[in-house]
Structures are given as structure tokens and as C-alpha cells.
Amino acid sequence: MDHFLASFQILGTVQGWTYLLILTLLEIVLGIDNIIFISIVTDPLPRAKQRKARMIGLSLALIIRILMLSVISWVMTLDQHPLFTIMGQSFTGHSLVLLIGGLFLIYKSVTEMHSSVKGSEEGHTSKEKSTLRGVIMQIVVIDFIFSFDSVISAVGMTNDISQQTHANPLIIIVLAVIVSMIVMLLFSRPISDFINERPTIKMIALGFLVTIGILLIAESFGEHVPKGYIYFALVYSLVIEFLNIKMRKNKDE
């Protein structure tokens, strides 16, 4: 009980609130991948079911992240003990999750690209095949994969405050995760509408997800590429596309 109460004492310090703000912003930035994926994967559903899928999927994802935090000591060991080695390359539990997640993300994004390029008939078939349960499961699976890096980064960031205050920073991490999930829930619909109503923006978003999938695979083989470069490329591509949209609109007028 004393250990539990000690974790709340961090919130009584300026340093604790500073870490909470920084960590919340980090979780929101890392959640961009999630929001884009959710926007695309819920599009085939009927309009009435899209909000329900986002609500249930993100709620389950939040529960998964909190459960992961409760066993964080075990999660951290997933990156330390190789399970097997193939041709000199060792694979840990963490790297396997990243590899499977990367392949899934690439498959899903490329399949959606193919559907979009083929046209309305293919898209109509995709809408018929999509189910609420299937979409929710995809949201949960991809969030579980993204959660590994998110949770590990959060724990690494709060190590300093833990050492300085000798208190458990878990409450800060949990609050940051909850706030970031609420932000994702609030903005997932407008972002979904924005992306899915503009085919060129949707294609850029799919390309971004393919790139993230490739990065996950690279990280599973021990090659770390800072995601900041990818986010910059995404923003740059979107700015160019916004200029193109504005130019086409001016020509039509």
C-alpha cells in the first residue's frame, strides 16, 4: 500500500508533471501510425459501425497497454534473451513481434493500395467482406505491436525520475497512455474522414504505413532507423499534396 501511495507522490512535484506532459506528447506522436491505420482499416465498414469499431478497438488497446505496464519487467526481458538463431541472426521475443507486425502492416497496406487502384468494384467487394469483429481485431493487433516500443520508450524516459525520487513512476506512464488514447479517440474520426475522402492523401498514408512496416522489419533484425525522418517525410509529402489540392481547386474555379 505504501509503495502504491508513493507512486502518486511524484504528481506532487513539478518534475513529475513535466515528465507527464513530455511523455503524453511522445505517446501522441507515436500514436500517429495508429491513427492512420485505424482511419484506413475502418473505412470499409458502414458509417454507423465505424465509430463503434474505433471505440471498442482503442478501449481494448488501452487495456492491453496497461496490462503490459503491469508486467513491464517481463516485457523488458523480451529484448534480452534470444529464442533462436538463423544464419547468425538472433531473434528475441521482441524482434519476432516486430517482424510479424511489419509483415502484417505491409500486407494490409499493399492490399488496400491494390484495392484503391483497382477501383470501385474491388472496393465494394472489400466493404462487403469487412466485419466489425475483424476490424476491431486488426486495431488491437496493430496497437499491441506498436505498444512494445511505446511502453519501452516510456519506461526508459522515466528511469531518471525514478532514480531521483526513489518512487515508482508507473502512475505517470499510465496517465500518459490514458490521455494519449483519449486524444486518439477524439481525433480518429476527423482524421479518418479527411483521409478517406481524399484518395491521394489516402495513398500517401498507405505509403507511410508501408514504410513503417519496413522499419519494423529492419528493427527486428537489429537495424534501428529514427522514426523522425519518416515523420518528416510524411509531413513534407502532405504539404506538397495540399499545395496540389489547392492548385487544382484554383484551376477549377
C-alpha atoms as a PDB file:
ATOM      1  CA  MET A   1       0.000   0.000   0.000  1.00  0.00           C
ATOM      2  CA  ASP A   2       2.843   2.365   0.897  1.00  0.00           C
ATOM      3  CA  HIS A   3       4.519   1.546  -2.431  1.00  0.00           C
ATOM      4  CA  PHE A   4       1.284   2.354  -4.277  1.00  0.00           C
ATOM      5  CA  LEU A   5       0.825   5.682  -2.469  1.00  0.00           C
ATOM      6  CA  ALA A   6       4.471   6.570  -3.117  1.00  0.00           C
ATOM      7  CA  SER A   7       3.846   6.418  -6.868  1.00  0.00           C
ATOM      8  CA  PHE A   8       1.262   9.227  -6.530  1.00  0.00           C
ATOM      9  CA  GLN A   9       3.741  11.421  -4.687  1.00  0.00           C
ATOM     10  CA  ILE A  10       5.530  12.053  -7.991  1.00  0.00           C
ATOM     11  CA  LEU A  11       2.496  14.059  -9.129  1.00  0.00           C
ATOM     12  CA  GLY A  12       3.128  16.451  -6.261  1.00  0.00           C
ATOM     13  CA  THR A  13       6.363  17.636  -7.892  1.00  0.00           C
ATOM     14  CA  VAL A  14       6.994  19.946 -10.838  1.00  0.00           C
ATOM     15  CA  GLN A  15       9.344  17.350 -12.270  1.00  0.00           C
ATOM     16  CA  GLY A  16       6.601  14.746 -12.181  1.00  0.00           C
ATOM     17  CA  TRP A  17       4.150  16.945 -14.122  1.00  0.00           C
ATOM     18  CA  THR A  18       6.887  17.872 -16.608  1.00  0.00           C
ATOM     19  CA  TYR A  19       7.593  14.222 -17.318  1.00  0.00           C
ATOM     20  CA  LEU A  20       3.865  13.555 -17.618  1.00  0.00           C
ATOM     21  CA  LEU A  21       3.480  16.311 -20.240  1.00  0.00           C
ATOM     22  CA  ILE A  22       6.533  15.202 -22.232  1.00  0.00           C
ATOM     23  CA  LEU A  23       5.556  11.538 -22.063  1.00  0.00           C
ATOM     24  CA  THR A  24       1.968  12.291 -23.102  1.00  0.00           C
ATOM     25  CA  LEU A  25       3.203  14.243 -26.148  1.00  0.00           C
ATOM     26  CA  LEU A  26       5.560  11.374 -27.002  1.00  0.00           C
ATOM     27  CA  GLU A  27       2.723   8.844 -26.797  1.00  0.00           C
ATOM     28  CA  ILE A  28       0.548  11.022 -29.053  1.00  0.00           C
ATOM     29  CA  VAL A  29       3.323  11.365 -31.645  1.00  0.00           C
ATOM     30  CA  LEU A  30       3.991   7.614 -31.554  1.00  0.00           C
ATOM     31  CA  GLY A  31       0.247   7.107 -31.979  1.00  0.00           C
ATOM     32  CA  ILE A  32       0.186   8.804 -35.393  1.00  0.00           C
ATOM     33  CA  ASP A  33       0.869   5.418 -37.010  1.00  0.00           C
ATOM     34  CA  ASN A  34      -2.088   4.005 -35.112  1.00  0.00           C
ATOM     35  CA  ILE A  35      -4.489   6.772 -36.076  1.00  0.00           C
ATOM     36  CA  ILE A  36      -3.629   6.441 -39.772  1.00  0.00           C
ATOM     37  CA  PHE A  37      -4.009   2.654 -39.651  1.00  0.00           C
ATOM     38  CA  ILE A  38      -7.353   2.935 -37.837  1.00  0.00           C
ATOM     39  CA  SER A  39      -8.537   5.512 -40.382  1.00  0.00           C
ATOM     40  CA  ILE A  40      -7.879   3.142 -43.254  1.00  0.00           C
ATOM     41  CA  VAL A  41      -8.944  -0.142 -41.688  1.00  0.00           C
ATOM     42  CA  THR A  42     -12.344   1.215 -40.546  1.00  0.00           C
ATOM     43  CA  ASP A  43     -13.170   2.790 -43.927  1.00  0.00           C
ATOM     44  CA  PRO A  44     -14.767  -0.367 -45.442  1.00  0.00           C
ATOM     45  CA  LEU A  45     -17.274  -0.566 -42.585  1.00  0.00           C
ATOM     46  CA  PRO A  46     -20.705   1.064 -42.814  1.00  0.00           C
ATOM     47  CA  ARG A  47     -20.638   4.598 -41.452  1.00  0.00           C
ATOM     48  CA  ALA A  48     -22.674   3.676 -38.372  1.00  0.00           C
ATOM     49  CA  LYS A  49     -20.217   0.959 -37.345  1.00  0.00           C
ATOM     50  CA  GLN A  50     -17.001   2.928 -37.864  1.00  0.00           C
ATOM     51  CA  ARG A  51     -17.260   4.862 -34.590  1.00  0.00           C
ATOM     52  CA  LYS A  52     -18.142   1.676 -32.698  1.00  0.00           C
ATOM     53  CA  ALA A  53     -15.098  -0.099 -34.133  1.00  0.00           C
ATOM     54  CA  ARG A  54     -12.801   2.771 -33.123  1.00  0.00           C
ATOM     55  CA  MET A  55     -14.282   2.937 -29.621  1.00  0.00           C
ATOM     56  CA  ILE A  56     -14.070  -0.789 -28.908  1.00  0.00           C
ATOM     57  CA  GLY A  57     -10.709  -1.259 -30.636  1.00  0.00           C
ATOM     58  CA  LEU A  58      -8.986   1.606 -28.811  1.00  0.00           C
ATOM     59  CA  SER A  59     -10.578   0.675 -25.477  1.00  0.00           C
ATOM     60  CA  LEU A  60      -9.230  -2.863 -25.775  1.00  0.00           C
ATOM     61  CA  ALA A  61      -5.882  -1.459 -26.898  1.00  0.00           C
ATOM     62  CA  LEU A  62      -5.765   0.744 -23.779  1.00  0.00           C
ATOM     63  CA  ILE A  63      -6.419  -2.288 -21.572  1.00  0.00           C
ATOM     64  CA  ILE A  64      -3.628  -4.186 -23.348  1.00  0.00           C
ATOM     65  CA  ARG A  65      -1.144  -1.346 -22.775  1.00  0.00           C
ATOM     66  CA  ILE A  66      -1.999  -1.110 -19.088  1.00  0.00           C
ATOM     67  CA  LEU A  67      -1.644  -4.884 -18.746  1.00  0.00           C
ATOM     68  CA  MET A  68       1.744  -4.659 -20.471  1.00  0.00           C
ATOM     69  CA  LEU A  69       2.794  -1.992 -17.973  1.00  0.00           C
ATOM     70  CA  SER A  70       1.780  -4.268 -15.098  1.00  0.00           C
ATOM     71  CA  VAL A  71       4.224  -6.896 -16.402  1.00  0.00           C
ATOM     72  CA  ILE A  72       6.798  -4.420 -17.716  1.00  0.00           C
ATOM     73  CA  SER A  73       9.698  -6.278 -16.082  1.00  0.00           C
ATOM     74  CA  TRP A  74       8.814  -9.294 -18.230  1.00  0.00           C
ATOM     75  CA  VAL A  75       8.285  -7.165 -21.352  1.00  0.00           C
ATOM     76  CA  MET A  76      11.754  -5.648 -20.954  1.00  0.00           C
ATOM     77  CA  THR A  77      13.347  -9.118 -20.921  1.00  0.00           C
ATOM     78  CA  LEU A  78      11.822  -9.962 -24.323  1.00  0.00           C
ATOM     79  CA  ASP A  79      14.613  -7.968 -25.952  1.00  0.00           C
ATOM     80  CA  GLN A  80      17.411  -9.584 -23.945  1.00  0.00           C
ATOM     81  CA  HIS A  81      17.168 -13.351 -24.371  1.00  0.00           C
ATOM     82  CA  PRO A  82      17.431 -14.808 -27.924  1.00  0.00           C
ATOM     83  CA  LEU A  83      14.894 -17.521 -28.692  1.00  0.00           C
ATOM     84  CA  PHE A  84      16.744 -18.921 -31.702  1.00  0.00           C
ATOM     85  CA  THR A  85      19.379 -18.030 -34.286  1.00  0.00           C
ATOM     86  CA  ILE A  86      19.161 -18.290 -38.088  1.00  0.00           C
ATOM     87  CA  MET A  87      22.279 -17.740 -40.217  1.00  0.00           C
ATOM     88  CA  GLY A  88      23.963 -15.808 -37.430  1.00  0.00           C
ATOM     89  CA  GLN A  89      20.905 -13.617 -36.774  1.00  0.00           C
ATOM     90  CA  SER A  90      19.450 -13.953 -33.275  1.00  0.00           C
ATOM     91  CA  PHE A  91      15.724 -13.454 -32.742  1.00  0.00           C
ATOM     92  CA  THR A  92      14.205 -12.410 -29.413  1.00  0.00           C
ATOM     93  CA  GLY A  93      10.523 -12.287 -28.469  1.00  0.00           C
ATOM     94  CA  HIS A  94      10.562  -8.546 -29.133  1.00  0.00           C
ATOM     95  CA  SER A  95      12.133  -8.894 -32.584  1.00  0.00           C
ATOM     96  CA  LEU A  96       9.628 -11.586 -33.558  1.00  0.00           C
ATOM     97  CA  VAL A  97       6.729  -9.298 -32.623  1.00  0.00           C
ATOM     98  CA  LEU A  98       8.265  -6.502 -34.728  1.00  0.00           C
ATOM     99  CA  LEU A  99       8.871  -8.859 -37.673  1.00  0.00           C
ATOM    100  CA  ILE A 100       5.327 -10.241 -37.672  1.00  0.00           C
ATOM    101  CA  GLY A 101       3.895  -6.760 -37.143  1.00  0.00           C
ATOM    102  CA  GLY A 102       5.927  -5.300 -40.003  1.00  0.00           C
ATOM    103  CA  LEU A 103       4.842  -8.047 -42.396  1.00  0.00           C
ATOM    104  CA  PHE A 104       1.196  -7.622 -41.337  1.00  0.00           C
ATOM    105  CA  LEU A 105       1.346  -3.857 -41.794  1.00  0.00           C
ATOM    106  CA  ILE A 106       2.925  -4.146 -45.252  1.00  0.00           C
ATOM    107  CA  TYR A 107       0.423  -6.815 -46.319  1.00  0.00           C
ATOM    108  CA  LYS A 108      -2.577  -4.807 -45.117  1.00  0.00           C
ATOM    109  CA  SER A 109      -1.348  -1.531 -46.653  1.00  0.00           C
ATOM    110  CA  VAL A 110      -0.387  -3.063 -50.014  1.00  0.00           C
ATOM    111  CA  THR A 111      -3.720  -4.916 -50.169  1.00  0.00           C
ATOM    112  CA  GLU A 112      -5.554  -1.628 -49.560  1.00  0.00           C
ATOM    113  CA  MET A 113      -3.401   0.097 -52.198  1.00  0.00           C
ATOM    114  CA  HIS A 114      -4.298  -2.618 -54.691  1.00  0.00           C
ATOM    115  CA  SER A 115      -7.993  -2.276 -53.833  1.00  0.00           C
ATOM    116  CA  SER A 116      -7.864   1.513 -54.287  1.00  0.00           C
ATOM    117  CA  VAL A 117      -6.033   1.288 -57.612  1.00  0.00           C
ATOM    118  CA  LYS A 118      -8.413  -1.399 -58.968  1.00  0.00           C
ATOM    119  CA  GLY A 119     -11.388   0.904 -58.467  1.00  0.00           C
ATOM    120  CA  SER A 120     -14.930   0.912 -57.160  1.00  0.00           C
ATOM    121  CA  GLU A 121     -15.816  -2.745 -57.891  1.00  0.00           C
ATOM    122  CA  GLU A 122     -12.879  -4.051 -55.887  1.00  0.00           C
ATOM    123  CA  GLY A 123     -13.584  -1.513 -53.146  1.00  0.00           C
ATOM    124  CA  HIS A 124     -17.226  -2.597 -52.991  1.00  0.00           C
ATOM    125  CA  THR A 125     -16.172  -6.248 -52.545  1.00  0.00           C
ATOM    126  CA  SER A 126     -13.794  -5.194 -49.771  1.00  0.00           C
ATOM    127  CA  LYS A 127     -16.625  -3.394 -47.975  1.00  0.00           C
ATOM    128  CA  GLU A 128     -18.805  -6.496 -48.130  1.00  0.00           C
ATOM    129  CA  LYS A 129     -16.069  -8.740 -46.704  1.00  0.00           C
ATOM    130  CA  SER A 130     -15.158  -6.459 -43.800  1.00  0.00           C
ATOM    131  CA  THR A 131     -16.770  -7.205 -40.476  1.00  0.00           C
ATOM    132  CA  LEU A 132     -16.887  -5.224 -37.245  1.00  0.00           C
ATOM    133  CA  ARG A 133     -15.160  -8.006 -35.311  1.00  0.00           C
ATOM    134  CA  GLY A 134     -12.424  -8.349 -37.936  1.00  0.00           C
ATOM    135  CA  VAL A 135     -11.687  -4.611 -37.943  1.00  0.00           C
ATOM    136  CA  ILE A 136     -11.588  -4.461 -34.130  1.00  0.00           C
ATOM    137  CA  MET A 137      -9.156  -7.389 -34.037  1.00  0.00           C
ATOM    138  CA  GLN A 138      -6.882  -5.643 -36.560  1.00  0.00           C
ATOM    139  CA  ILE A 139      -6.887  -2.452 -34.469  1.00  0.00           C
ATOM    140  CA  VAL A 140      -5.996  -4.415 -31.327  1.00  0.00           C
ATOM    141  CA  VAL A 141      -3.258  -6.445 -33.070  1.00  0.00           C
ATOM    142  CA  ILE A 142      -1.517  -3.422 -34.591  1.00  0.00           C
ATOM    143  CA  ASP A 143      -1.767  -1.456 -31.347  1.00  0.00           C
ATOM    144  CA  PHE A 144      -0.258  -4.395 -29.453  1.00  0.00           C
ATOM    145  CA  ILE A 145       2.684  -4.327 -31.849  1.00  0.00           C
ATOM    146  CA  PHE A 146       3.164  -0.559 -31.613  1.00  0.00           C
ATOM    147  CA  SER A 147       2.781  -0.767 -27.826  1.00  0.00           C
ATOM    148  CA  PHE A 148       6.109  -2.523 -27.361  1.00  0.00           C
ATOM    149  CA  ASP A 149       8.210   0.439 -28.495  1.00  0.00           C
ATOM    150  CA  SER A 150       5.822   2.899 -26.859  1.00  0.00           C
ATOM    151  CA  VAL A 151       5.905   1.223 -23.431  1.00  0.00           C
ATOM    152  CA  ILE A 152       9.657   0.553 -23.502  1.00  0.00           C
ATOM    153  CA  SER A 153      10.332   4.186 -24.501  1.00  0.00           C
ATOM    154  CA  ALA A 154       8.088   5.403 -21.683  1.00  0.00           C
ATOM    155  CA  VAL A 155       9.886   3.284 -19.099  1.00  0.00           C
ATOM    156  CA  GLY A 156      13.267   4.461 -20.381  1.00  0.00           C
ATOM    157  CA  MET A 157      12.212   8.109 -20.143  1.00  0.00           C
ATOM    158  CA  THR A 158      11.012   7.788 -16.562  1.00  0.00           C
ATOM    159  CA  ASN A 159      14.117   5.987 -15.297  1.00  0.00           C
ATOM    160  CA  ASP A 160      15.708   9.325 -14.316  1.00  0.00           C
ATOM    161  CA  ILE A 161      12.802  10.485 -12.183  1.00  0.00           C
ATOM    162  CA  SER A 162      12.614   7.031 -10.593  1.00  0.00           C
ATOM    163  CA  GLN A 163      16.269   7.204  -9.567  1.00  0.00           C
ATOM    164  CA  GLN A 164      15.989  10.767  -8.270  1.00  0.00           C
ATOM    165  CA  THR A 165      12.782  10.404  -6.267  1.00  0.00           C
ATOM    166  CA  HIS A 166      13.057   6.674  -5.428  1.00  0.00           C
ATOM    167  CA  ALA A 167       9.376   6.374  -6.315  1.00  0.00           C
ATOM    168  CA  ASN A 168       7.593   4.200  -8.839  1.00  0.00           C
ATOM    169  CA  PRO A 169       6.857   6.294 -11.987  1.00  0.00           C
ATOM    170  CA  LEU A 170       4.182   3.825 -13.159  1.00  0.00           C
ATOM    171  CA  ILE A 171       1.349   6.283 -12.435  1.00  0.00           C
ATOM    172  CA  ILE A 172       2.925   8.820 -14.814  1.00  0.00           C
ATOM    173  CA  ILE A 173       3.203   6.250 -17.598  1.00  0.00           C
ATOM    174  CA  VAL A 174      -0.384   5.017 -17.084  1.00  0.00           C
ATOM    175  CA  LEU A 175      -1.792   8.579 -17.123  1.00  0.00           C
ATOM    176  CA  ALA A 176       0.213   9.419 -20.270  1.00  0.00           C
ATOM    177  CA  VAL A 177      -1.099   6.295 -22.021  1.00  0.00           C
ATOM    178  CA  ILE A 178      -4.706   7.043 -20.998  1.00  0.00           C
ATOM    179  CA  VAL A 179      -4.521  10.684 -22.136  1.00  0.00           C
ATOM    180  CA  SER A 180      -2.902   9.729 -25.465  1.00  0.00           C
ATOM    181  CA  MET A 181      -5.614   7.119 -26.079  1.00  0.00           C
ATOM    182  CA  ILE A 182      -8.335   9.696 -25.365  1.00  0.00           C
ATOM    183  CA  VAL A 183      -6.691  12.080 -27.864  1.00  0.00           C
ATOM    184  CA  MET A 184      -6.531   9.279 -30.449  1.00  0.00           C
ATOM    185  CA  LEU A 185     -10.204   8.517 -29.850  1.00  0.00           C
ATOM    186  CA  LEU A 186     -11.200  12.175 -30.251  1.00  0.00           C
ATOM    187  CA  PHE A 187      -9.212  12.746 -33.427  1.00  0.00           C
ATOM    188  CA  SER A 188      -9.556   9.350 -35.117  1.00  0.00           C
ATOM    189  CA  ARG A 189     -12.910  10.230 -36.736  1.00  0.00           C
ATOM    190  CA  PRO A 190     -11.985  13.636 -38.243  1.00  0.00           C
ATOM    191  CA  ILE A 191      -8.655  12.225 -39.438  1.00  0.00           C
ATOM    192  CA  SER A 192     -10.444   9.157 -40.841  1.00  0.00           C
ATOM    193  CA  ASP A 193     -12.913  11.350 -42.722  1.00  0.00           C
ATOM    194  CA  PHE A 194     -10.152  13.615 -44.007  1.00  0.00           C
ATOM    195  CA  ILE A 195      -8.015  10.728 -45.292  1.00  0.00           C
ATOM    196  CA  ASN A 196     -10.767   8.584 -46.775  1.00  0.00           C
ATOM    197  CA  GLU A 197     -12.466  11.486 -48.590  1.00  0.00           C
ATOM    198  CA  ARG A 198      -9.216  12.335 -50.416  1.00  0.00           C
ATOM    199  CA  PRO A 199      -7.809   9.418 -52.457  1.00  0.00           C
ATOM    200  CA  THR A 200      -4.371  10.998 -52.936  1.00  0.00           C
ATOM    201  CA  ILE A 201      -3.986  11.658 -49.194  1.00  0.00           C
ATOM    202  CA  LYS A 202      -5.087   8.083 -48.509  1.00  0.00           C
ATOM    203  CA  MET A 203      -2.397   6.757 -50.876  1.00  0.00           C
ATOM    204  CA  ILE A 204       0.268   8.843 -49.097  1.00  0.00           C
ATOM    205  CA  ALA A 205      -0.973   7.484 -45.756  1.00  0.00           C
ATOM    206  CA  LEU A 206      -0.768   3.916 -47.076  1.00  0.00           C
ATOM    207  CA  GLY A 207       2.754   4.569 -48.333  1.00  0.00           C
ATOM    208  CA  PHE A 208       3.634   5.842 -44.856  1.00  0.00           C
ATOM    209  CA  LEU A 209       2.295   2.635 -43.280  1.00  0.00           C
ATOM    210  CA  VAL A 210       4.315   0.505 -45.713  1.00  0.00           C
ATOM    211  CA  THR A 211       7.427   2.448 -44.695  1.00  0.00           C
ATOM    212  CA  ILE A 212       6.641   1.917 -41.009  1.00  0.00           C
ATOM    213  CA  GLY A 213       6.230  -1.795 -41.743  1.00  0.00           C
ATOM    214  CA  ILE A 214       9.657  -1.885 -43.390  1.00  0.00           C
ATOM    215  CA  LEU A 215      11.140  -0.079 -40.366  1.00  0.00           C
ATOM    216  CA  LEU A 216       9.605  -2.646 -38.017  1.00  0.00           C
ATOM    217  CA  ILE A 217      11.175  -5.456 -40.043  1.00  0.00           C
ATOM    218  CA  ALA A 218      14.536  -3.651 -40.058  1.00  0.00           C
ATOM    219  CA  GLU A 219      14.345  -3.201 -36.277  1.00  0.00           C
ATOM    220  CA  SER A 220      13.582  -6.893 -35.851  1.00  0.00           C
ATOM    221  CA  PHE A 221      16.990  -7.542 -37.474  1.00  0.00           C
ATOM    222  CA  GLY A 222      18.697  -5.048 -35.167  1.00  0.00           C
ATOM    223  CA  GLU A 223      18.795  -2.091 -37.597  1.00  0.00           C
ATOM    224  CA  HIS A 224      17.389   0.989 -35.881  1.00  0.00           C
ATOM    225  CA  VAL A 225      16.219   3.904 -38.048  1.00  0.00           C
ATOM    226  CA  PRO A 226      14.948   7.044 -36.241  1.00  0.00           C
ATOM    227  CA  LYS A 227      11.249   7.493 -36.982  1.00  0.00           C
ATOM    228  CA  GLY A 228      11.700  11.256 -37.012  1.00  0.00           C
ATOM    229  CA  TYR A 229      12.954  11.026 -40.601  1.00  0.00           C
ATOM    230  CA  ILE A 230       9.809   9.158 -41.608  1.00  0.00           C
ATOM    231  CA  TYR A 231       7.507  11.629 -39.879  1.00  0.00           C
ATOM    232  CA  PHE A 232       9.312  14.495 -41.615  1.00  0.00           C
ATOM    233  CA  ALA A 233       8.899  12.779 -44.991  1.00  0.00           C
ATOM    234  CA  LEU A 234       5.189  12.262 -44.285  1.00  0.00           C
ATOM    235  CA  VAL A 235       4.637  15.908 -43.334  1.00  0.00           C
ATOM    236  CA  TYR A 236       6.630  17.072 -46.372  1.00  0.00           C
ATOM    237  CA  SER A 237       4.573  14.845 -48.697  1.00  0.00           C
ATOM    238  CA  LEU A 238       1.324  16.098 -47.169  1.00  0.00           C
ATOM    239  CA  VAL A 239       2.364  19.746 -47.576  1.00  0.00           C
ATOM    240  CA  ILE A 240       3.140  19.133 -51.260  1.00  0.00           C
ATOM    241  CA  GLU A 241      -0.187  17.353 -51.732  1.00  0.00           C
ATOM    242  CA  PHE A 242      -2.092  20.171 -50.004  1.00  0.00           C
ATOM    243  CA  LEU A 243      -0.475  22.581 -52.467  1.00  0.00           C
ATOM    244  CA  ASN A 244      -1.564  20.327 -55.343  1.00  0.00           C
ATOM    245  CA  ILE A 245      -5.130  20.212 -53.997  1.00  0.00           C
ATOM    246  CA  LYS A 246      -5.160  23.992 -53.671  1.00  0.00           C
ATOM    247  CA  MET A 247      -3.769  24.377 -57.208  1.00  0.00           C
ATOM    248  CA  ARG A 248      -6.414  22.038 -58.691  1.00  0.00           C
ATOM    249  CA  LYS A 249      -9.152  23.867 -56.787  1.00  0.00           C
ATOM    250  CA  ASN A 250      -7.975  27.258 -58.129  1.00  0.00           C
ATOM    251  CA  LYS A 251      -7.895  25.894 -61.683  1.00  0.00           C
ATOM    252  CA  ASP A 252     -11.444  24.562 -61.365  1.00  0.00           C
ATOM    253  CA  GLU A 253     -12.638  27.976 -60.202  1.00  0.00           C
END
